Amino acid sequence: MKAFKLWVVFISALVLEIGSTLYINSVADKEAGQMLVWSFLCPFIALPFSGFVADEQKWMGRIMLALFSAIGYSTGAYISAFLIS
């Protein structure tokens, strides 16, 4: 498994988590413009993540992708907590 794939999954998970949190925040604040932007962008942000996970054949590669994904989501949650406060 190439390190490039792991970093793409990490960045994709990080940005997806931040985008999802900002989407939820815009729904709660009833901001239609931001809501439309995030609802349109999030599937495209997840595209590289989904492709790499679906293509991986080995279990060790899947575990590494899951690990980098979890770290990305955790980091994104930590960052988005500061963005919405």
C-alpha atoms as a PDB file:
ATOM      1  CA  MET A   1       0.000   0.000   0.000  1.00  0.00           C
ATOM      2  CA  LYS A   2       1.333   3.357  -0.947  1.00  0.00           C
ATOM      3  CA  ALA A   3       1.600   6.126   1.615  1.00  0.00           C
ATOM      4  CA  PHE A   4      -0.173   8.414  -0.856  1.00  0.00           C
ATOM      5  CA  LYS A   5      -3.424   6.441  -0.493  1.00  0.00           C
ATOM      6  CA  LEU A   6      -3.223   6.584   3.291  1.00  0.00           C
ATOM      7  CA  TRP A   7      -2.747  10.350   3.293  1.00  0.00           C
ATOM      8  CA  VAL A   8      -5.561  10.873   0.796  1.00  0.00           C
ATOM      9  CA  VAL A   9      -7.883   8.846   3.033  1.00  0.00           C
ATOM     10  CA  PHE A  10      -6.732  10.824   6.080  1.00  0.00           C
ATOM     11  CA  ILE A  11      -7.293  14.217   4.418  1.00  0.00           C
ATOM     12  CA  SER A  12     -10.602  13.080   2.925  1.00  0.00           C
ATOM     13  CA  ALA A  13     -11.892  11.874   6.309  1.00  0.00           C
ATOM     14  CA  LEU A  14     -10.685  15.037   8.022  1.00  0.00           C
ATOM     15  CA  VAL A  15     -12.367  17.385   5.532  1.00  0.00           C
ATOM     16  CA  LEU A  16     -15.498  15.226   5.404  1.00  0.00           C
ATOM     17  CA  GLU A  17     -15.880  15.373   9.190  1.00  0.00           C
ATOM     18  CA  ILE A  18     -15.424  19.144   9.241  1.00  0.00           C
ATOM     19  CA  GLY A  19     -17.855  19.541   6.330  1.00  0.00           C
ATOM     20  CA  SER A  20     -20.443  17.302   7.960  1.00  0.00           C
ATOM     21  CA  THR A  21     -20.230  19.224  11.217  1.00  0.00           C
ATOM     22  CA  LEU A  22     -20.534  22.556   9.438  1.00  0.00           C
ATOM     23  CA  TYR A  23     -23.485  21.173   7.459  1.00  0.00           C
ATOM     24  CA  ILE A  24     -25.268  20.165  10.678  1.00  0.00           C
ATOM     25  CA  ASN A  25     -24.470  23.569  12.165  1.00  0.00           C
ATOM     26  CA  SER A  26     -25.895  25.361   9.109  1.00  0.00           C
ATOM     27  CA  VAL A  27     -29.079  23.260   9.295  1.00  0.00           C
ATOM     28  CA  ALA A  28     -29.468  24.139  12.969  1.00  0.00           C
ATOM     29  CA  ASP A  29     -28.957  27.842  12.193  1.00  0.00           C
ATOM     30  CA  LYS A  30     -31.309  27.614   9.171  1.00  0.00           C
ATOM     31  CA  GLU A  31     -28.689  29.006   6.772  1.00  0.00           C
ATOM     32  CA  ALA A  32     -29.857  27.706   3.405  1.00  0.00           C
ATOM     33  CA  GLY A  33     -26.840  28.853   1.376  1.00  0.00           C
ATOM     34  CA  GLN A  34     -24.253  27.104   3.533  1.00  0.00           C
ATOM     35  CA  MET A  35     -26.479  24.054   3.794  1.00  0.00           C
ATOM     36  CA  LEU A  36     -26.641  23.730   0.005  1.00  0.00           C
ATOM     37  CA  VAL A  37     -22.883  24.187  -0.396  1.00  0.00           C
ATOM     38  CA  TRP A  38     -21.974  21.495   2.141  1.00  0.00           C
ATOM     39  CA  SER A  39     -24.643  19.057   0.985  1.00  0.00           C
ATOM     40  CA  PHE A  40     -23.271  19.386  -2.557  1.00  0.00           C
ATOM     41  CA  LEU A  41     -19.563  19.158  -1.639  1.00  0.00           C
ATOM     42  CA  CYS A  42     -19.554  16.280   0.871  1.00  0.00           C
ATOM     43  CA  PRO A  43     -20.145  13.438  -1.630  1.00  0.00           C
ATOM     44  CA  PHE A  44     -17.233  14.704  -3.740  1.00  0.00           C
ATOM     45  CA  ILE A  45     -14.998  14.972  -0.682  1.00  0.00           C
ATOM     46  CA  ALA A  46     -15.757  11.331   0.146  1.00  0.00           C
ATOM     47  CA  LEU A  47     -15.087  10.105  -3.398  1.00  0.00           C
ATOM     48  CA  PRO A  48     -11.334   9.361  -3.099  1.00  0.00           C
ATOM     49  CA  PHE A  49     -11.909   7.785   0.305  1.00  0.00           C
ATOM     50  CA  SER A  50     -14.602   5.464  -1.019  1.00  0.00           C
ATOM     51  CA  GLY A  51     -12.609   4.467  -4.083  1.00  0.00           C
ATOM     52  CA  PHE A  52      -9.453   3.534  -2.200  1.00  0.00           C
ATOM     53  CA  VAL A  53     -11.337   1.522   0.433  1.00  0.00           C
ATOM     54  CA  ALA A  54     -13.328  -0.397  -2.181  1.00  0.00           C
ATOM     55  CA  ASP A  55     -10.209  -1.211  -4.236  1.00  0.00           C
ATOM     56  CA  GLU A  56      -8.076  -2.536  -1.372  1.00  0.00           C
ATOM     57  CA  GLN A  57      -7.714  -6.332  -1.515  1.00  0.00           C
ATOM     58  CA  LYS A  58      -5.536  -7.150   1.523  1.00  0.00           C
ATOM     59  CA  TRP A  59      -6.704  -7.082   5.130  1.00  0.00           C
ATOM     60  CA  MET A  60      -3.618  -5.256   6.346  1.00  0.00           C
ATOM     61  CA  GLY A  61      -4.287  -2.536   3.784  1.00  0.00           C
ATOM     62  CA  ARG A  62      -7.921  -2.294   4.911  1.00  0.00           C
ATOM     63  CA  ILE A  63      -6.825  -2.002   8.530  1.00  0.00           C
ATOM     64  CA  MET A  64      -4.350   0.751   7.651  1.00  0.00           C
ATOM     65  CA  LEU A  65      -7.031   2.607   5.682  1.00  0.00           C
ATOM     66  CA  ALA A  66      -9.426   2.289   8.616  1.00  0.00           C
ATOM     67  CA  LEU A  67      -6.738   3.559  10.999  1.00  0.00           C
ATOM     68  CA  PHE A  68      -5.937   6.615   8.885  1.00  0.00           C
ATOM     69  CA  SER A  69      -9.657   7.212   8.395  1.00  0.00           C
ATOM     70  CA  ALA A  70     -10.287   7.078  12.140  1.00  0.00           C
ATOM     71  CA  ILE A  71      -7.413   9.472  12.823  1.00  0.00           C
ATOM     72  CA  GLY A  72      -8.745  11.809  10.129  1.00  0.00           C
ATOM     73  CA  TYR A  73     -12.280  11.749  11.521  1.00  0.00           C
ATOM     74  CA  SER A  74     -11.005  12.301  15.068  1.00  0.00           C
ATOM     75  CA  THR A  75      -8.824  15.209  14.016  1.00  0.00           C
ATOM     76  CA  GLY A  76     -11.697  16.671  12.003  1.00  0.00           C
ATOM     77  CA  ALA A  77     -14.032  16.414  14.976  1.00  0.00           C
ATOM     78  CA  TYR A  78     -11.468  18.156  17.160  1.00  0.00           C
ATOM     79  CA  ILE A  79     -11.008  20.974  14.627  1.00  0.00           C
ATOM     80  CA  SER A  80     -14.729  21.394  13.971  1.00  0.00           C
ATOM     81  CA  ALA A  81     -15.405  21.707  17.712  1.00  0.00           C
ATOM     82  CA  PHE A  82     -13.318  24.879  17.626  1.00  0.00           C
ATOM     83  CA  LEU A  83     -14.936  26.126  14.424  1.00  0.00           C
ATOM     84  CA  ILE A  84     -18.482  26.009  15.768  1.00  0.00           C
ATOM     85  CA  SER A  85     -17.729  27.347  19.238  1.00  0.00           C
END
